């Protein structure tokens, strides 16, 4: 960058060639800060829109690693605060539903183990 009196005057290219400019626009590249997920097998990939990296997840926030969910800017780097917060709330509700379903499955398994015979199976 070339400046005159603290104002942009041009852009210097390789080979010291300078192109006069009054304005310069640079697109940011978003980088996910989720290194703590790497030991679990969750790693960022390139976002399909080309805005940087993201952690891939389905619509409910599930990653490819069972038990690991993500939401907000880690999945959508361009999400504004409101959208990121809403995604977090939606994923939290889905996690809760998943936990309730698992606890229900476990309780049914315990009940079935204690009750002898098929005549005590619900629905029969």
N, C-alpha and C. Protein backbone atom coordinates (compact mmCIF):
# COMPACT_ATOMS: atom_id res chain seq x y z
N UNK A 1 0.84 -1.17 0.00
CA UNK A 1 0.00 0.00 0.00
C UNK A 1 0.89 1.24 0.00
N UNK A 2 0.48 2.20 -0.77
CA UNK A 2 1.16 3.49 -0.80
C UNK A 2 0.24 4.54 -0.18
N UNK A 3 0.76 5.32 0.73
CA UNK A 3 -0.04 6.36 1.36
C UNK A 3 0.65 7.71 1.21
N UNK A 4 -0.17 8.74 1.18
CA UNK A 4 0.30 10.13 1.19
C UNK A 4 -0.54 10.85 2.23
N UNK A 5 0.12 11.44 3.22
CA UNK A 5 -0.58 12.13 4.32
C UNK A 5 -1.64 11.22 4.96
N UNK A 6 -1.26 9.99 5.26
CA UNK A 6 -2.13 9.00 5.91
C UNK A 6 -3.37 8.64 5.08
N UNK A 7 -3.33 8.84 3.79
CA UNK A 7 -4.44 8.46 2.91
C UNK A 7 -3.92 7.50 1.84
N UNK A 8 -4.77 6.57 1.45
CA UNK A 8 -4.39 5.62 0.42
C UNK A 8 -4.14 6.35 -0.89
N UNK A 9 -2.99 6.06 -1.49
CA UNK A 9 -2.64 6.67 -2.78
C UNK A 9 -2.51 5.61 -3.87
N UNK A 10 -2.19 4.39 -3.47
CA UNK A 10 -2.03 3.35 -4.46
C UNK A 10 -1.70 2.02 -3.84
N UNK A 11 -1.62 1.02 -4.69
CA UNK A 11 -1.29 -0.33 -4.27
C UNK A 11 -0.02 -0.75 -5.00
N UNK A 12 0.98 -1.17 -4.23
CA UNK A 12 2.24 -1.62 -4.83
C UNK A 12 2.15 -3.11 -5.09
N UNK A 13 2.44 -3.49 -6.32
CA UNK A 13 2.42 -4.88 -6.73
C UNK A 13 3.82 -5.46 -6.70
N UNK A 14 3.92 -6.74 -6.94
CA UNK A 14 5.25 -7.35 -7.05
C UNK A 14 6.01 -6.66 -8.16
N UNK A 15 7.29 -6.53 -7.97
CA UNK A 15 8.11 -5.87 -8.97
C UNK A 15 8.09 -4.35 -8.80
N UNK A 16 7.54 -3.89 -7.68
CA UNK A 16 7.48 -2.47 -7.33
C UNK A 16 6.63 -1.62 -8.26
N UNK A 17 5.78 -2.22 -9.03
CA UNK A 17 4.85 -1.45 -9.84
C UNK A 17 3.71 -0.97 -8.94
N UNK A 18 3.34 0.31 -9.05
CA UNK A 18 2.28 0.87 -8.22
C UNK A 18 1.10 1.30 -9.08
N UNK A 19 -0.10 0.95 -8.61
CA UNK A 19 -1.33 1.35 -9.29
C UNK A 19 -2.04 2.35 -8.37
N UNK A 20 -2.32 3.53 -8.89
CA UNK A 20 -2.99 4.57 -8.11
C UNK A 20 -4.41 4.13 -7.75
N UNK A 21 -4.77 4.31 -6.49
CA UNK A 21 -6.11 3.96 -6.01
C UNK A 21 -6.50 4.93 -4.89
N UNK A 22 -7.80 5.21 -4.82
CA UNK A 22 -8.34 6.01 -3.72
C UNK A 22 -9.05 5.13 -2.69
N UNK A 23 -9.41 3.93 -3.10
CA UNK A 23 -10.11 3.00 -2.20
C UNK A 23 -9.65 1.59 -2.49
N UNK A 24 -9.75 0.75 -1.49
CA UNK A 24 -9.35 -0.65 -1.61
C UNK A 24 -10.33 -1.49 -0.79
N UNK A 25 -10.87 -2.52 -1.39
CA UNK A 25 -11.79 -3.41 -0.70
C UNK A 25 -11.14 -4.78 -0.60
N UNK A 26 -11.15 -5.33 0.60
CA UNK A 26 -10.55 -6.65 0.83
C UNK A 26 -11.59 -7.51 1.54
N UNK A 27 -11.87 -8.67 1.00
CA UNK A 27 -12.82 -9.59 1.64
C UNK A 27 -12.11 -10.37 2.73
N UNK A 28 -12.72 -10.46 3.91
CA UNK A 28 -12.09 -11.23 4.99
C UNK A 28 -12.21 -12.73 4.72
N UNK A 29 -11.32 -13.47 5.28
CA UNK A 29 -11.38 -14.94 5.23
C UNK A 29 -11.63 -15.41 6.65
N UNK A 30 -12.77 -16.04 6.85
CA UNK A 30 -13.16 -16.51 8.18
C UNK A 30 -12.41 -17.80 8.51
N UNK A 31 -11.89 -17.86 9.72
CA UNK A 31 -11.18 -19.05 10.18
C UNK A 31 -11.83 -19.51 11.48
N UNK A 32 -12.26 -20.75 11.50
CA UNK A 32 -12.91 -21.33 12.68
C UNK A 32 -11.90 -21.53 13.79
N UNK A 33 -12.23 -21.06 14.98
CA UNK A 33 -11.38 -21.32 16.14
C UNK A 33 -11.99 -22.48 16.92
N UNK A 34 -11.74 -23.67 16.46
CA UNK A 34 -12.32 -24.87 17.07
C UNK A 34 -11.28 -25.97 17.17
N UNK A 35 -10.04 -25.57 17.43
CA UNK A 35 -8.96 -26.55 17.54
C UNK A 35 -9.23 -27.59 18.62
N UNK A 36 -9.99 -27.19 19.64
CA UNK A 36 -10.29 -28.10 20.74
C UNK A 36 -11.13 -29.29 20.29
N UNK A 37 -11.76 -29.19 19.11
CA UNK A 37 -12.56 -30.30 18.60
C UNK A 37 -11.73 -31.32 17.83
N UNK A 38 -10.52 -30.96 17.43
CA UNK A 38 -9.68 -31.85 16.63
C UNK A 38 -9.41 -33.20 17.30
N UNK A 39 -9.11 -33.25 18.61
CA UNK A 39 -8.90 -34.56 19.24
C UNK A 39 -10.13 -35.48 19.19
N UNK A 40 -11.30 -34.88 18.98
CA UNK A 40 -12.53 -35.67 18.87
C UNK A 40 -12.78 -36.13 17.43
N UNK A 41 -11.96 -35.65 16.50
CA UNK A 41 -12.11 -36.01 15.10
C UNK A 41 -12.91 -35.02 14.29
N UNK A 42 -13.19 -33.85 14.87
CA UNK A 42 -13.95 -32.82 14.17
C UNK A 42 -12.97 -31.75 13.69
N UNK A 43 -12.89 -31.60 12.38
CA UNK A 43 -11.94 -30.64 11.81
C UNK A 43 -12.65 -29.73 10.81
N UNK A 44 -12.21 -28.48 10.75
CA UNK A 44 -12.84 -27.56 9.79
C UNK A 44 -12.54 -27.93 8.35
N UNK A 45 -13.46 -27.57 7.48
CA UNK A 45 -13.28 -27.73 6.04
C UNK A 45 -13.62 -26.41 5.37
N UNK A 46 -13.34 -26.31 4.10
CA UNK A 46 -13.66 -25.10 3.36
C UNK A 46 -15.17 -24.94 3.26
N UNK A 47 -15.66 -23.74 3.51
CA UNK A 47 -17.09 -23.44 3.40
C UNK A 47 -17.47 -23.43 1.92
N UNK A 48 -18.62 -23.99 1.56
CA UNK A 48 -19.02 -24.05 0.15
C UNK A 48 -19.12 -22.67 -0.51
N UNK A 49 -19.39 -21.63 0.27
CA UNK A 49 -19.53 -20.28 -0.29
C UNK A 49 -18.18 -19.60 -0.48
N UNK A 50 -17.10 -20.26 -0.06
CA UNK A 50 -15.77 -19.69 -0.23
C UNK A 50 -15.41 -18.59 0.74
N UNK A 51 -16.14 -18.48 1.85
CA UNK A 51 -15.88 -17.41 2.82
C UNK A 51 -14.84 -17.80 3.86
N UNK A 52 -14.31 -18.99 3.78
CA UNK A 52 -13.33 -19.45 4.75
C UNK A 52 -13.61 -20.88 5.16
N UNK A 53 -13.48 -21.12 6.45
CA UNK A 53 -13.67 -22.47 6.99
C UNK A 53 -14.96 -22.56 7.78
N UNK A 54 -15.43 -23.78 7.98
CA UNK A 54 -16.56 -24.05 8.86
C UNK A 54 -16.48 -25.50 9.31
N UNK A 55 -17.26 -25.82 10.33
CA UNK A 55 -17.40 -27.21 10.78
C UNK A 55 -18.70 -27.72 10.14
N UNK A 56 -18.61 -28.72 9.27
CA UNK A 56 -19.83 -29.24 8.64
C UNK A 56 -20.75 -29.89 9.66
N UNK A 57 -22.04 -29.64 9.51
CA UNK A 57 -23.05 -30.25 10.38
C UNK A 57 -24.35 -30.34 9.60
N UNK A 58 -25.23 -31.23 10.06
CA UNK A 58 -26.54 -31.31 9.42
C UNK A 58 -27.43 -30.18 9.95
N UNK A 59 -28.68 -30.15 9.54
CA UNK A 59 -29.59 -29.07 9.92
C UNK A 59 -29.86 -29.02 11.42
N UNK A 60 -29.64 -30.13 12.12
CA UNK A 60 -29.86 -30.15 13.57
C UNK A 60 -28.61 -29.82 14.36
N UNK A 61 -27.47 -29.64 13.69
CA UNK A 61 -26.22 -29.32 14.37
C UNK A 61 -25.31 -30.51 14.61
N UNK A 62 -25.74 -31.70 14.20
CA UNK A 62 -24.90 -32.90 14.39
C UNK A 62 -23.72 -32.87 13.43
N UNK A 63 -22.56 -33.21 13.96
CA UNK A 63 -21.39 -33.39 13.12
C UNK A 63 -21.31 -34.86 12.72
N UNK A 64 -20.27 -35.22 11.98
CA UNK A 64 -20.06 -36.62 11.61
C UNK A 64 -19.61 -37.46 12.79
N UNK A 65 -19.23 -36.82 13.89
CA UNK A 65 -18.77 -37.53 15.09
C UNK A 65 -19.95 -37.66 16.05
N UNK A 66 -20.38 -38.89 16.35
CA UNK A 66 -21.52 -39.06 17.26
C UNK A 66 -21.29 -38.35 18.59
N UNK A 67 -22.32 -37.62 19.02
CA UNK A 67 -22.27 -36.92 20.30
C UNK A 67 -21.66 -35.54 20.24
N UNK A 68 -21.21 -35.11 19.06
CA UNK A 68 -20.63 -33.77 18.93
C UNK A 68 -21.55 -32.94 18.05
N UNK A 69 -22.01 -31.84 18.62
CA UNK A 69 -22.94 -30.92 17.96
C UNK A 69 -22.28 -29.55 17.87
N UNK A 70 -22.62 -28.78 16.86
CA UNK A 70 -22.08 -27.43 16.70
C UNK A 70 -23.19 -26.49 16.23
N UNK A 71 -22.98 -25.19 16.47
CA UNK A 71 -23.97 -24.20 16.04
C UNK A 71 -23.31 -22.83 15.91
N UNK A 72 -24.00 -21.93 15.26
CA UNK A 72 -23.55 -20.55 15.17
C UNK A 72 -22.47 -20.35 14.14
N UNK A 73 -21.55 -19.43 14.44
CA UNK A 73 -20.52 -19.05 13.48
C UNK A 73 -19.56 -20.17 13.12
N UNK A 74 -19.46 -21.18 13.95
CA UNK A 74 -18.57 -22.29 13.62
C UNK A 74 -19.11 -23.09 12.43
N UNK A 75 -20.42 -23.06 12.23
CA UNK A 75 -21.01 -23.75 11.09
C UNK A 75 -21.33 -22.80 9.94
N UNK A 76 -21.63 -21.54 10.29
CA UNK A 76 -21.95 -20.51 9.29
C UNK A 76 -21.15 -19.26 9.61
N UNK A 77 -19.95 -19.13 9.04
CA UNK A 77 -19.08 -18.01 9.39
C UNK A 77 -19.69 -16.63 9.12
N UNK A 78 -20.66 -16.53 8.24
CA UNK A 78 -21.26 -15.24 7.92
C UNK A 78 -22.47 -14.91 8.78
N UNK A 79 -22.84 -15.79 9.69
CA UNK A 79 -24.03 -15.57 10.52
C UNK A 79 -23.83 -14.36 11.44
N UNK A 80 -24.84 -13.53 11.52
CA UNK A 80 -24.84 -12.40 12.44
C UNK A 80 -25.16 -12.93 13.84
N UNK A 81 -25.01 -12.07 14.84
CA UNK A 81 -25.18 -12.48 16.24
C UNK A 81 -26.55 -13.11 16.48
N UNK A 82 -27.60 -12.48 16.00
CA UNK A 82 -28.95 -13.01 16.22
C UNK A 82 -29.14 -14.39 15.63
N UNK A 83 -28.68 -14.58 14.39
CA UNK A 83 -28.81 -15.88 13.74
C UNK A 83 -27.96 -16.94 14.45
N UNK A 84 -26.76 -16.56 14.88
CA UNK A 84 -25.89 -17.51 15.57
C UNK A 84 -26.51 -17.92 16.91
N UNK A 85 -27.07 -16.96 17.63
CA UNK A 85 -27.71 -17.26 18.92
C UNK A 85 -28.94 -18.15 18.72
N UNK A 86 -29.73 -17.85 17.69
CA UNK A 86 -30.92 -18.66 17.41
C UNK A 86 -30.51 -20.09 17.04
N UNK A 87 -29.45 -20.23 16.26
CA UNK A 87 -28.97 -21.57 15.90
C UNK A 87 -28.52 -22.32 17.15
N UNK A 88 -27.87 -21.62 18.07
CA UNK A 88 -27.44 -22.25 19.32
C UNK A 88 -28.62 -22.75 20.13
N UNK A 89 -29.68 -21.93 20.21
CA UNK A 89 -30.88 -22.34 20.96
C UNK A 89 -31.55 -23.54 20.30
N UNK A 90 -31.63 -23.53 18.97
CA UNK A 90 -32.25 -24.65 18.25
C UNK A 90 -31.46 -25.94 18.44
N UNK A 91 -30.15 -25.86 18.36
CA UNK A 91 -29.31 -27.05 18.54
C UNK A 91 -29.41 -27.54 19.99
N UNK A 92 -29.46 -26.63 20.95
CA UNK A 92 -29.60 -27.03 22.35
C UNK A 92 -30.90 -27.80 22.56
N UNK A 93 -31.98 -27.34 21.93
CA UNK A 93 -33.26 -28.05 22.04
C UNK A 93 -33.15 -29.45 21.43
N UNK A 94 -32.45 -29.56 20.31
CA UNK A 94 -32.28 -30.85 19.65
C UNK A 94 -31.42 -31.80 20.49
N UNK A 95 -30.38 -31.26 21.12
CA UNK A 95 -29.54 -32.07 22.01
C UNK A 95 -30.39 -32.58 23.17
N UNK A 96 -31.21 -31.70 23.76
CA UNK A 96 -32.07 -32.10 24.86
C UNK A 96 -33.02 -33.21 24.43
N UNK A 97 -33.62 -33.07 23.26
CA UNK A 97 -34.53 -34.10 22.76
C UNK A 97 -33.81 -35.42 22.56
N UNK A 98 -32.58 -35.35 22.07
CA UNK A 98 -31.78 -36.56 21.85
C UNK A 98 -31.47 -37.24 23.19
N UNK A 99 -31.14 -36.44 24.20
CA UNK A 99 -30.85 -37.00 25.53
C UNK A 99 -32.09 -37.63 26.16
N UNK A 100 -33.23 -36.98 26.01
CA UNK A 100 -34.49 -37.53 26.54
C UNK A 100 -34.80 -38.85 25.83
N UNK A 101 -34.64 -38.89 24.53
CA UNK A 101 -34.91 -40.13 23.78
C UNK A 101 -33.99 -41.25 24.24
N UNK A 102 -32.72 -40.94 24.47
CA UNK A 102 -31.77 -41.96 24.93
C UNK A 102 -32.14 -42.46 26.32
N UNK A 103 -32.49 -41.56 27.23
CA UNK A 103 -32.90 -41.96 28.58
C UNK A 103 -34.16 -42.82 28.53
N UNK A 104 -35.07 -42.50 27.63
CA UNK A 104 -36.29 -43.29 27.48
C UNK A 104 -35.96 -44.68 26.98
N UNK A 105 -35.08 -44.78 25.98
CA UNK A 105 -34.67 -46.10 25.47
C UNK A 105 -34.03 -46.93 26.60
N UNK A 106 -33.18 -46.30 27.40
CA UNK A 106 -32.54 -47.02 28.50
C UNK A 106 -33.56 -47.48 29.53
N UNK A 107 -34.53 -46.62 29.87
CA UNK A 107 -35.55 -46.99 30.85
C UNK A 107 -36.41 -48.14 30.34
N UNK A 108 -36.76 -48.13 29.06
CA UNK A 108 -37.54 -49.22 28.47
C UNK A 108 -36.74 -50.52 28.50
N UNK A 109 -35.45 -50.45 28.19
CA UNK A 109 -34.60 -51.65 28.24
C UNK A 109 -34.56 -52.23 29.65
N UNK A 110 -34.42 -51.37 30.66
CA UNK A 110 -34.40 -51.83 32.06
C UNK A 110 -35.74 -52.46 32.41
N UNK A 111 -36.85 -51.82 32.03
CA UNK A 111 -38.18 -52.34 32.32
C UNK A 111 -38.36 -53.71 31.67
N UNK A 112 -37.97 -53.83 30.40
CA UNK A 112 -38.13 -55.11 29.69
C UNK A 112 -37.28 -56.21 30.33
N UNK A 113 -36.13 -55.88 30.86
CA UNK A 113 -35.26 -56.87 31.49
C UNK A 113 -35.87 -57.38 32.80
N UNK A 114 -36.66 -56.54 33.49
CA UNK A 114 -37.24 -56.93 34.78
C UNK A 114 -38.58 -57.64 34.65
N UNK A 115 -39.32 -57.36 33.57
CA UNK A 115 -40.65 -57.93 33.41
C UNK A 115 -40.55 -59.20 32.58
N UNK A 116 -40.92 -60.36 33.17
CA UNK A 116 -40.79 -61.61 32.41
C UNK A 116 -41.90 -61.79 31.37
N UNK A 117 -41.53 -62.41 30.29
CA UNK A 117 -42.49 -62.87 29.29
C UNK A 117 -43.00 -61.78 28.36
N UNK A 118 -43.39 -62.22 27.16
CA UNK A 118 -43.89 -61.28 26.16
C UNK A 118 -45.27 -60.72 26.47
N UNK A 119 -46.05 -61.38 27.39
CA UNK A 119 -47.39 -60.89 27.67
C UNK A 119 -47.38 -59.55 28.40
N UNK A 120 -46.24 -59.17 28.96
CA UNK A 120 -46.15 -57.89 29.66
C UNK A 120 -45.55 -56.78 28.79
N UNK A 121 -45.34 -57.08 27.54
CA UNK A 121 -44.79 -56.06 26.62
C UNK A 121 -45.90 -55.09 26.27
N UNK A 122 -45.66 -53.79 26.39
CA UNK A 122 -46.71 -52.80 26.08
C UNK A 122 -47.25 -53.01 24.66
N UNK A 123 -48.56 -52.82 24.50
CA UNK A 123 -49.17 -52.93 23.20
C UNK A 123 -49.65 -54.35 22.87
N UNK A 124 -49.46 -55.29 23.78
CA UNK A 124 -49.91 -56.68 23.50
C UNK A 124 -51.02 -57.06 24.41
